[in-house]
Amino acid sequence: MAESATERWLTDTRKILLTQLLTVILTPTCVALTFFLLEHSKAPKPDIQYVRASPRYFATEPVSSLVTRINNDPGLASDFRKDIRDAGSSADNTATCTNWLDEGSWDSDCLAVYKSAAGEMRGMLLAVAAQGNGSIQETRAKSSLKIIEDLRKELIAVENAKELRAGNVTLTVGVLNTGDLGGTVFADALLKFDNRAMHVSADQYKEVTGHSFSEVLFNTAREDNGKYWGTFTVGEEPIIKAWSDLVKGGKEIPFELTITLNGRTDTIKGTVSREE
């Protein structure tokens, strides 16, 4: 039976209405999906370029009693400080090497400066002490010379001492943000080694702008004689001890490090080098 004009009109009208209804329903969804995909493509994306593992060592330094002996000799304290500044300047060493004499921390970069200054001071004191006239200057020079000789012996001992690994490691991570938007590298990362996993920490969160590169330093905790040093997650103490023992042992340690940039992660493999 032939379809009447009225029926065809109703059919076409229903099709038009259905099409319009579907358009109304689906358009917001399509817009939302397009927006989501666009934002997703712009979001920060971490791409780790490299990781360097640097084991930390216990500081080797001269005995602190020498600082007291030098400072208790006013003439020696003044002249030796001048020689240290002169030696540091001639060696292009910009470190403030006199800090140790002011009861500050010993800087291993100043070892050569101290050796040079002590050599200069020794030569001057030897000349005065050899006058043989029994003067006060000669007596003082001999007393100061004993201190400088003891310092020179201590500096040689420090130079020849074998450095011992402390058990912790600094991980230098090169992070490239391939996204259009900037992001933040979280201060916590996950370190996996020898079928174990523990958290490592940076000093602070690191901002990385879009399509840019930055280095982030993470530090592992360490164990020493039952005490734990550094930032660590409670409950991970046995894993930290296992890590510290491996580092102190000086063997090569393969590991994996996973960092987080605005909720997205990236993982890289690395190695703590074997101690020669």
C-alpha atoms as a PDB file:
ATOM      1  CA  MET A   1       0.000   0.000   0.000  1.00  0.00           C
ATOM      2  CA  ALA A   2       1.489   3.364  -0.976  1.00  0.00           C
ATOM      3  CA  GLU A   3       2.644   5.697   1.792  1.00  0.00           C
ATOM      4  CA  SER A   4       0.577   8.847   1.924  1.00  0.00           C
ATOM      5  CA  ALA A   5       2.107  12.299   1.832  1.00  0.00           C
ATOM      6  CA  THR A   6       1.101  12.861   5.458  1.00  0.00           C
ATOM      7  CA  GLU A   7       2.906   9.716   6.590  1.00  0.00           C
ATOM      8  CA  ARG A   8       6.047  10.671   4.648  1.00  0.00           C
ATOM      9  CA  TRP A   9       5.981  14.085   6.261  1.00  0.00           C
ATOM     10  CA  LEU A  10       5.672  12.562   9.730  1.00  0.00           C
ATOM     11  CA  THR A  11       8.535  10.171   9.025  1.00  0.00           C
ATOM     12  CA  ASP A  12      10.818  12.954   7.792  1.00  0.00           C
ATOM     13  CA  THR A  13       9.867  15.130  10.753  1.00  0.00           C
ATOM     14  CA  ARG A  14      10.702  12.343  13.205  1.00  0.00           C
ATOM     15  CA  LYS A  15      14.088  11.870  11.522  1.00  0.00           C
ATOM     16  CA  ILE A  16      14.845  15.582  11.732  1.00  0.00           C
ATOM     17  CA  LEU A  17      13.809  15.748  15.396  1.00  0.00           C
ATOM     18  CA  LEU A  18      15.841  12.658  16.218  1.00  0.00           C
ATOM     19  CA  THR A  19      18.891  14.122  14.505  1.00  0.00           C
ATOM     20  CA  GLN A  20      18.506  17.412  16.363  1.00  0.00           C
ATOM     21  CA  LEU A  21      18.024  15.573  19.665  1.00  0.00           C
ATOM     22  CA  LEU A  22      21.155  13.491  19.145  1.00  0.00           C
ATOM     23  CA  THR A  23      23.071  16.642  18.237  1.00  0.00           C
ATOM     24  CA  VAL A  24      21.911  18.352  21.432  1.00  0.00           C
ATOM     25  CA  ILE A  25      22.857  15.313  23.517  1.00  0.00           C
ATOM     26  CA  LEU A  26      26.211  14.527  21.912  1.00  0.00           C
ATOM     27  CA  THR A  27      27.628  18.021  21.326  1.00  0.00           C
ATOM     28  CA  PRO A  28      28.558  18.693  25.010  1.00  0.00           C
ATOM     29  CA  THR A  29      30.126  15.243  25.197  1.00  0.00           C
ATOM     30  CA  CYS A  30      32.190  15.858  22.066  1.00  0.00           C
ATOM     31  CA  VAL A  31      33.267  19.269  23.322  1.00  0.00           C
ATOM     32  CA  ALA A  32      34.237  17.817  26.700  1.00  0.00           C
ATOM     33  CA  LEU A  33      36.129  14.966  25.076  1.00  0.00           C
ATOM     34  CA  THR A  34      37.966  17.342  22.761  1.00  0.00           C
ATOM     35  CA  PHE A  35      38.867  19.609  25.691  1.00  0.00           C
ATOM     36  CA  PHE A  36      40.082  16.647  27.739  1.00  0.00           C
ATOM     37  CA  LEU A  37      42.272  15.345  24.917  1.00  0.00           C
ATOM     38  CA  LEU A  38      43.679  18.815  24.279  1.00  0.00           C
ATOM     39  CA  GLU A  39      44.532  19.390  27.933  1.00  0.00           C
ATOM     40  CA  HIS A  40      45.922  15.880  28.213  1.00  0.00           C
ATOM     41  CA  SER A  41      48.286  16.560  25.311  1.00  0.00           C
ATOM     42  CA  LYS A  42      49.475  19.791  26.960  1.00  0.00           C
ATOM     43  CA  ALA A  43      49.970  18.290  30.437  1.00  0.00           C
ATOM     44  CA  PRO A  44      53.474  17.980  31.900  1.00  0.00           C
ATOM     45  CA  LYS A  45      55.219  14.761  30.825  1.00  0.00           C
ATOM     46  CA  PRO A  46      58.446  13.636  32.524  1.00  0.00           C
ATOM     47  CA  ASP A  47      61.172  12.164  30.366  1.00  0.00           C
ATOM     48  CA  ILE A  48      64.248  11.211  32.418  1.00  0.00           C
ATOM     49  CA  GLN A  49      67.387  11.813  30.372  1.00  0.00           C
ATOM     50  CA  TYR A  50      69.941  10.365  32.785  1.00  0.00           C
ATOM     51  CA  VAL A  51      70.714   9.495  36.406  1.00  0.00           C
ATOM     52  CA  ARG A  52      74.110   9.725  38.101  1.00  0.00           C
ATOM     53  CA  ALA A  53      74.741   7.906  41.376  1.00  0.00           C
ATOM     54  CA  SER A  54      77.376   9.491  43.638  1.00  0.00           C
ATOM     55  CA  PRO A  55      78.208   7.579  46.835  1.00  0.00           C
ATOM     56  CA  ARG A  56      78.874   9.809  49.829  1.00  0.00           C
ATOM     57  CA  TYR A  57      82.062   9.491  51.877  1.00  0.00           C
ATOM     58  CA  PHE A  58      82.959  10.194  55.479  1.00  0.00           C
ATOM     59  CA  ALA A  59      84.936  13.411  55.730  1.00  0.00           C
ATOM     60  CA  THR A  60      88.650  12.983  56.474  1.00  0.00           C
ATOM     61  CA  GLU A  61      90.109  16.028  58.211  1.00  0.00           C
ATOM     62  CA  PRO A  62      92.964  17.092  60.494  1.00  0.00           C
ATOM     63  CA  VAL A  63      92.450  16.716  64.239  1.00  0.00           C
ATOM     64  CA  SER A  64      90.613  19.711  65.696  1.00  0.00           C
ATOM     65  CA  SER A  65      93.137  20.073  68.546  1.00  0.00           C
ATOM     66  CA  LEU A  66      95.532  21.638  66.031  1.00  0.00           C
ATOM     67  CA  VAL A  67      93.108  24.538  65.568  1.00  0.00           C
ATOM     68  CA  THR A  68      93.286  25.240  69.294  1.00  0.00           C
ATOM     69  CA  ARG A  69      97.070  25.066  69.330  1.00  0.00           C
ATOM     70  CA  ILE A  70      97.378  27.441  66.369  1.00  0.00           C
ATOM     71  CA  ASN A  71      94.902  29.945  67.794  1.00  0.00           C
ATOM     72  CA  ASN A  72      96.617  29.879  71.197  1.00  0.00           C
ATOM     73  CA  ASP A  73      99.737  31.202  69.453  1.00  0.00           C
ATOM     74  CA  PRO A  74      98.629  34.766  68.453  1.00  0.00           C
ATOM     75  CA  GLY A  75     101.573  35.484  66.160  1.00  0.00           C
ATOM     76  CA  LEU A  76     101.302  32.144  64.384  1.00  0.00           C
ATOM     77  CA  ALA A  77      97.498  32.441  64.099  1.00  0.00           C
ATOM     78  CA  SER A  78      97.760  35.836  62.394  1.00  0.00           C
ATOM     79  CA  ASP A  79     100.671  35.027  60.055  1.00  0.00           C
ATOM     80  CA  PHE A  80      99.327  31.605  59.109  1.00  0.00           C
ATOM     81  CA  ARG A  81      95.934  33.033  58.176  1.00  0.00           C
ATOM     82  CA  LYS A  82      97.674  35.516  55.888  1.00  0.00           C
ATOM     83  CA  ASP A  83      99.710  32.729  54.265  1.00  0.00           C
ATOM     84  CA  ILE A  84      96.517  30.695  53.722  1.00  0.00           C
ATOM     85  CA  ARG A  85      94.785  33.628  52.026  1.00  0.00           C
ATOM     86  CA  ASP A  86      97.843  34.245  49.847  1.00  0.00           C
ATOM     87  CA  ALA A  87      98.161  30.564  48.915  1.00  0.00           C
ATOM     88  CA  GLY A  88      94.454  30.360  48.109  1.00  0.00           C
ATOM     89  CA  SER A  89      94.652  33.456  45.906  1.00  0.00           C
ATOM     90  CA  SER A  90      97.691  32.233  43.955  1.00  0.00           C
ATOM     91  CA  ALA A  91      96.029  28.837  43.401  1.00  0.00           C
ATOM     92  CA  ASP A  92      92.762  30.455  42.207  1.00  0.00           C
ATOM     93  CA  ASN A  93      91.002  28.728  45.091  1.00  0.00           C
ATOM     94  CA  THR A  94      88.031  30.928  45.962  1.00  0.00           C
ATOM     95  CA  ALA A  95      87.043  28.806  48.969  1.00  0.00           C
ATOM     96  CA  THR A  96      87.285  30.507  52.347  1.00  0.00           C
ATOM     97  CA  CYS A  97      89.933  28.168  53.671  1.00  0.00           C
ATOM     98  CA  THR A  98      90.423  30.055  56.927  1.00  0.00           C
ATOM     99  CA  ASN A  99      86.992  28.854  58.100  1.00  0.00           C
ATOM    100  CA  TRP A 100      88.586  25.754  59.623  1.00  0.00           C
ATOM    101  CA  LEU A 101      90.837  27.941  61.800  1.00  0.00           C
ATOM    102  CA  ASP A 102      87.706  29.762  62.950  1.00  0.00           C
ATOM    103  CA  GLU A 103      86.330  26.386  64.146  1.00  0.00           C
ATOM    104  CA  GLY A 104      84.276  25.930  61.000  1.00  0.00           C
ATOM    105  CA  SER A 105      84.026  22.811  58.847  1.00  0.00           C
ATOM    106  CA  TRP A 106      87.051  21.402  57.085  1.00  0.00           C
ATOM    107  CA  ASP A 107      86.945  21.814  53.302  1.00  0.00           C
ATOM    108  CA  SER A 108      88.872  19.075  51.491  1.00  0.00           C
ATOM    109  CA  ASP A 109      89.358  21.476  48.558  1.00  0.00           C
ATOM    110  CA  CYS A 110      91.621  23.511  50.851  1.00  0.00           C
ATOM    111  CA  LEU A 111      94.096  20.696  51.510  1.00  0.00           C
ATOM    112  CA  ALA A 112      96.588  21.882  48.885  1.00  0.00           C
ATOM    113  CA  VAL A 113      96.259  25.464  50.160  1.00  0.00           C
ATOM    114  CA  TYR A 114      97.063  24.405  53.717  1.00  0.00           C
ATOM    115  CA  LYS A 115     100.039  22.329  52.572  1.00  0.00           C
ATOM    116  CA  SER A 116     101.433  25.282  50.631  1.00  0.00           C
ATOM    117  CA  ALA A 117     100.865  27.748  53.481  1.00  0.00           C
ATOM    118  CA  ALA A 118     102.372  25.367  56.052  1.00  0.00           C
ATOM    119  CA  GLY A 119     105.457  24.953  53.850  1.00  0.00           C
ATOM    120  CA  GLU A 120     105.905  28.718  53.601  1.00  0.00           C
ATOM    121  CA  MET A 121     105.423  29.168  57.341  1.00  0.00           C
ATOM    122  CA  ARG A 122     107.864  26.349  58.133  1.00  0.00           C
ATOM    123  CA  GLY A 123     110.579  27.978  56.015  1.00  0.00           C
ATOM    124  CA  MET A 124     110.166  31.312  57.762  1.00  0.00           C
ATOM    125  CA  LEU A 125     110.136  29.779  61.254  1.00  0.00           C
ATOM    126  CA  LEU A 126     113.193  27.651  60.526  1.00  0.00           C
ATOM    127  CA  ALA A 127     115.137  30.788  59.615  1.00  0.00           C
ATOM    128  CA  VAL A 128     114.190  32.547  62.835  1.00  0.00           C
ATOM    129  CA  ALA A 129     114.745  29.463  65.015  1.00  0.00           C
ATOM    130  CA  ALA A 130     118.252  29.001  63.586  1.00  0.00           C
ATOM    131  CA  GLN A 131     119.541  32.416  64.716  1.00  0.00           C
ATOM    132  CA  GLY A 132     121.083  30.870  67.817  1.00  0.00           C
ATOM    133  CA  ASN A 133     120.988  34.048  69.932  1.00  0.00           C
ATOM    134  CA  GLY A 134     118.442  32.831  72.475  1.00  0.00           C
ATOM    135  CA  SER A 135     116.079  35.710  71.775  1.00  0.00           C
ATOM    136  CA  ILE A 136     112.398  35.705  72.602  1.00  0.00           C
ATOM    137  CA  GLN A 137     111.638  35.632  68.856  1.00  0.00           C
ATOM    138  CA  GLU A 138     113.789  32.513  68.493  1.00  0.00           C
ATOM    139  CA  THR A 139     112.031  30.778  71.395  1.00  0.00           C
ATOM    140  CA  ARG A 140     108.622  31.638  70.022  1.00  0.00           C
ATOM    141  CA  ALA A 141     109.639  30.500  66.545  1.00  0.00           C
ATOM    142  CA  LYS A 142     110.684  27.100  67.878  1.00  0.00           C
ATOM    143  CA  SER A 143     107.359  26.707  69.682  1.00  0.00           C
ATOM    144  CA  SER A 144     105.402  27.722  66.567  1.00  0.00           C
ATOM    145  CA  LEU A 145     107.557  25.466  64.399  1.00  0.00           C
ATOM    146  CA  LYS A 146     106.545  22.428  66.468  1.00  0.00           C
ATOM    147  CA  ILE A 147     102.874  23.216  65.794  1.00  0.00           C
ATOM    148  CA  ILE A 148     103.452  23.664  62.061  1.00  0.00           C
ATOM    149  CA  GLU A 149     105.466  20.426  61.847  1.00  0.00           C
ATOM    150  CA  ASP A 150     102.608  18.552  63.545  1.00  0.00           C
ATOM    151  CA  LEU A 151     100.126  20.163  61.153  1.00  0.00           C
ATOM    152  CA  ARG A 152     102.188  19.155  58.100  1.00  0.00           C
ATOM    153  CA  LYS A 153     102.290  15.534  59.309  1.00  0.00           C
ATOM    154  CA  GLU A 154      98.526  15.608  59.837  1.00  0.00           C
ATOM    155  CA  LEU A 155      97.901  17.049  56.374  1.00  0.00           C
ATOM    156  CA  ILE A 156      99.977  14.279  54.790  1.00  0.00           C
ATOM    157  CA  ALA A 157      98.007  11.684  56.786  1.00  0.00           C
ATOM    158  CA  VAL A 158      94.717  13.210  55.611  1.00  0.00           C
ATOM    159  CA  GLU A 159      95.901  13.229  52.000  1.00  0.00           C
ATOM    160  CA  ASN A 160      96.897   9.551  52.149  1.00  0.00           C
ATOM    161  CA  ALA A 161      93.882   8.343  54.133  1.00  0.00           C
ATOM    162  CA  LYS A 162      91.482   5.992  52.343  1.00  0.00           C
ATOM    163  CA  GLU A 163      88.033   7.473  52.043  1.00  0.00           C
ATOM    164  CA  LEU A 164      85.263   5.289  53.424  1.00  0.00           C
ATOM    165  CA  ARG A 165      81.772   5.165  51.935  1.00  0.00           C
ATOM    166  CA  ALA A 166      79.150   6.372  54.377  1.00  0.00           C
ATOM    167  CA  GLY A 167      76.359   4.220  52.925  1.00  0.00           C
ATOM    168  CA  ASN A 168      74.174   6.881  51.335  1.00  0.00           C
ATOM    169  CA  VAL A 169      74.065   8.019  47.711  1.00  0.00           C
ATOM    170  CA  THR A 170      73.117  11.232  45.922  1.00  0.00           C
ATOM    171  CA  LEU A 171      71.126  10.608  42.727  1.00  0.00           C
ATOM    172  CA  THR A 172      71.365  13.408  40.156  1.00  0.00           C
ATOM    173  CA  VAL A 173      68.412  13.111  37.770  1.00  0.00           C
ATOM    174  CA  GLY A 174      68.110  15.012  34.483  1.00  0.00           C
ATOM    175  CA  VAL A 175      64.397  15.586  33.830  1.00  0.00           C
ATOM    176  CA  LEU A 176      62.963  16.859  30.538  1.00  0.00           C
ATOM    177  CA  ASN A 177      59.358  18.097  30.615  1.00  0.00           C
ATOM    178  CA  THR A 178      58.001  17.348  27.125  1.00  0.00           C
ATOM    179  CA  GLY A 179      54.571  18.830  27.899  1.00  0.00           C
ATOM    180  CA  ASP A 180      53.418  22.336  27.013  1.00  0.00           C
ATOM    181  CA  LEU A 181      52.523  23.172  30.605  1.00  0.00           C
ATOM    182  CA  GLY A 182      54.863  23.536  33.558  1.00  0.00           C
ATOM    183  CA  GLY A 183      54.809  21.067  36.409  1.00  0.00           C
ATOM    184  CA  THR A 184      56.395  20.037  39.678  1.00  0.00           C
ATOM    185  CA  VAL A 185      58.737  17.135  40.305  1.00  0.00           C
ATOM    186  CA  PHE A 186      57.638  15.583  43.583  1.00  0.00           C
ATOM    187  CA  ALA A 187      60.201  15.494  46.385  1.00  0.00           C
ATOM    188  CA  ASP A 188      59.665  11.758  46.897  1.00  0.00           C
ATOM    189  CA  ALA A 189      60.851   9.097  44.445  1.00  0.00           C
ATOM    190  CA  LEU A 190      60.940   5.301  44.502  1.00  0.00           C
ATOM    191  CA  LEU A 191      64.206   3.379  44.367  1.00  0.00           C
ATOM    192  CA  LYS A 192      64.194  -0.333  43.508  1.00  0.00           C
ATOM    193  CA  PHE A 193      67.222  -2.600  43.941  1.00  0.00           C
ATOM    194  CA  ASP A 194      67.874  -6.277  44.610  1.00  0.00           C
ATOM    195  CA  ASN A 195      64.105  -7.072  44.702  1.00  0.00           C
ATOM    196  CA  ARG A 196      63.572  -4.345  47.312  1.00  0.00           C
ATOM    197  CA  ALA A 197      62.057  -0.878  47.161  1.00  0.00           C
ATOM    198  CA  MET A 198      62.419   2.229  49.310  1.00  0.00           C
ATOM    199  CA  HIS A 199      61.634   5.914  49.069  1.00  0.00           C
ATOM    200  CA  VAL A 200      64.277   8.574  48.481  1.00  0.00           C
ATOM    201  CA  SER A 201      63.865  12.307  48.932  1.00  0.00           C
ATOM    202  CA  ALA A 202      64.854  15.626  47.411  1.00  0.00           C
ATOM    203  CA  ASP A 203      65.310  18.706  49.572  1.00  0.00           C
ATOM    204  CA  GLN A 204      62.277  20.338  47.974  1.00  0.00           C
ATOM    205  CA  TYR A 205      59.773  20.130  45.134  1.00  0.00           C
ATOM    206  CA  LYS A 206      61.246  21.221  41.798  1.00  0.00           C
ATOM    207  CA  GLU A 207      59.367  23.380  39.312  1.00  0.00           C
ATOM    208  CA  VAL A 208      59.936  22.547  35.629  1.00  0.00           C
ATOM    209  CA  THR A 209      58.413  24.777  32.938  1.00  0.00           C
ATOM    210  CA  GLY A 210      56.957  23.415  29.722  1.00  0.00           C
ATOM    211  CA  HIS A 211      59.439  21.985  27.194  1.00  0.00           C
ATOM    212  CA  SER A 212      62.376  22.598  29.518  1.00  0.00           C
ATOM    213  CA  PHE A 213      65.074  20.649  31.342  1.00  0.00           C
ATOM    214  CA  SER A 214      66.114  20.596  34.974  1.00  0.00           C
ATOM    215  CA  GLU A 215      68.302  18.569  37.339  1.00  0.00           C
ATOM    216  CA  VAL A 216      66.874  17.206  40.577  1.00  0.00           C
ATOM    217  CA  LEU A 217      68.963  15.766  43.417  1.00  0.00           C
ATOM    218  CA  PHE A 218      67.562  12.874  45.450  1.00  0.00           C
ATOM    219  CA  ASN A 219      69.340  11.493  48.511  1.00  0.00           C
ATOM    220  CA  THR A 220      69.062   8.042  50.003  1.00  0.00           C
ATOM    221  CA  ALA A 221      69.051   7.518  53.745  1.00  0.00           C
ATOM    222  CA  ARG A 222      71.778   5.447  55.410  1.00  0.00           C
ATOM    223  CA  GLU A 223      72.298   3.199  58.404  1.00  0.00           C
ATOM    224  CA  ASP A 224      75.334   3.315  60.668  1.00  0.00           C
ATOM    225  CA  ASN A 225      75.684   1.219  63.830  1.00  0.00           C
ATOM    226  CA  GLY A 226      71.939   0.893  64.257  1.00  0.00           C
ATOM    227  CA  LYS A 227      71.203   4.587  63.686  1.00  0.00           C
ATOM    228  CA  TYR A 228      69.467   5.936  60.604  1.00  0.00           C
ATOM    229  CA  TRP A 229      70.433   9.205  58.941  1.00  0.00           C
ATOM    230  CA  GLY A 230      68.594  11.262  56.349  1.00  0.00           C
ATOM    231  CA  THR A 231      64.945  11.419  55.323  1.00  0.00           C
ATOM    232  CA  PHE A 232      63.221   8.050  55.147  1.00  0.00           C
ATOM    233  CA  THR A 233      59.839   6.348  55.422  1.00  0.00           C
ATOM    234  CA  VAL A 234      59.142   4.663  58.738  1.00  0.00           C
ATOM    235  CA  GLY A 235      59.046   0.909  58.283  1.00  0.00           C
ATOM    236  CA  GLU A 236      61.721   0.880  55.583  1.00  0.00           C
ATOM    237  CA  GLU A 237      64.630   0.648  58.032  1.00  0.00           C
ATOM    238  CA  PRO A 238      65.615  -2.954  57.091  1.00  0.00           C
ATOM    239  CA  ILE A 239      65.704  -1.970  53.412  1.00  0.00           C
ATOM    240  CA  ILE A 240      67.808   1.110  54.199  1.00  0.00           C
ATOM    241  CA  LYS A 241      70.292  -1.063  56.083  1.00  0.00           C
ATOM    242  CA  ALA A 242      70.488  -3.483  53.145  1.00  0.00           C
ATOM    243  CA  TRP A 243      71.116  -0.564  50.790  1.00  0.00           C
ATOM    244  CA  SER A 244      73.771   0.959  53.076  1.00  0.00           C
ATOM    245  CA  ASP A 245      75.577  -2.364  53.429  1.00  0.00           C
ATOM    246  CA  LEU A 246      75.716  -2.767  49.640  1.00  0.00           C
ATOM    247  CA  VAL A 247      77.027   0.777  49.147  1.00  0.00           C
ATOM    248  CA  LYS A 248      79.650   0.403  51.886  1.00  0.00           C
ATOM    249  CA  GLY A 249      80.700  -2.928  50.381  1.00  0.00           C
ATOM    250  CA  GLY A 250      81.765  -1.123  47.224  1.00  0.00           C
ATOM    251  CA  LYS A 251      80.122  -3.511  44.783  1.00  0.00           C
ATOM    252  CA  GLU A 252      78.251  -2.440  41.650  1.00  0.00           C
ATOM    253  CA  ILE A 253      74.555  -1.911  42.450  1.00  0.00           C
ATOM    254  CA  PRO A 254      71.973  -1.865  39.625  1.00  0.00           C
ATOM    255  CA  PHE A 255      68.803   0.052  40.469  1.00  0.00           C
ATOM    256  CA  GLU A 256      65.645   1.602  39.051  1.00  0.00           C
ATOM    257  CA  LEU A 257      64.422   5.074  39.973  1.00  0.00           C
ATOM    258  CA  THR A 258      60.857   6.299  39.444  1.00  0.00           C
ATOM    259  CA  ILE A 259      60.027   9.996  39.738  1.00  0.00           C
ATOM    260  CA  THR A 260      56.685  11.805  39.564  1.00  0.00           C
ATOM    261  CA  LEU A 261      55.865  15.009  37.676  1.00  0.00           C
ATOM    262  CA  ASN A 262      52.322  16.247  38.336  1.00  0.00           C
ATOM    263  CA  GLY A 263      50.996  12.722  38.794  1.00  0.00           C
ATOM    264  CA  ARG A 264      52.808  11.255  35.791  1.00  0.00           C
ATOM    265  CA  THR A 265      55.751   8.952  36.391  1.00  0.00           C
ATOM    266  CA  ASP A 266      58.864   7.948  34.517  1.00  0.00           C
ATOM    267  CA  THR A 267      61.455   5.310  35.369  1.00  0.00           C
ATOM    268  CA  ILE A 268      65.123   4.963  34.517  1.00  0.00           C
ATOM    269  CA  LYS A 269      67.730   2.319  35.233  1.00  0.00           C
ATOM    270  CA  GLY A 270      71.067   3.226  36.758  1.00  0.00           C
ATOM    271  CA  THR A 271      74.076   1.805  38.559  1.00  0.00           C
ATOM    272  CA  VAL A 272      76.104   2.698  41.617  1.00  0.00           C
ATOM    273  CA  SER A 273      79.618   2.099  40.339  1.00  0.00           C
ATOM    274  CA  ARG A 274      81.967  -0.393  41.914  1.00  0.00           C
ATOM    275  CA  GLU A 275      84.573   1.129  44.183  1.00  0.00           C
ATOM    276  CA  GLU A 276      88.054   0.819  42.713  1.00  0.00           C
END
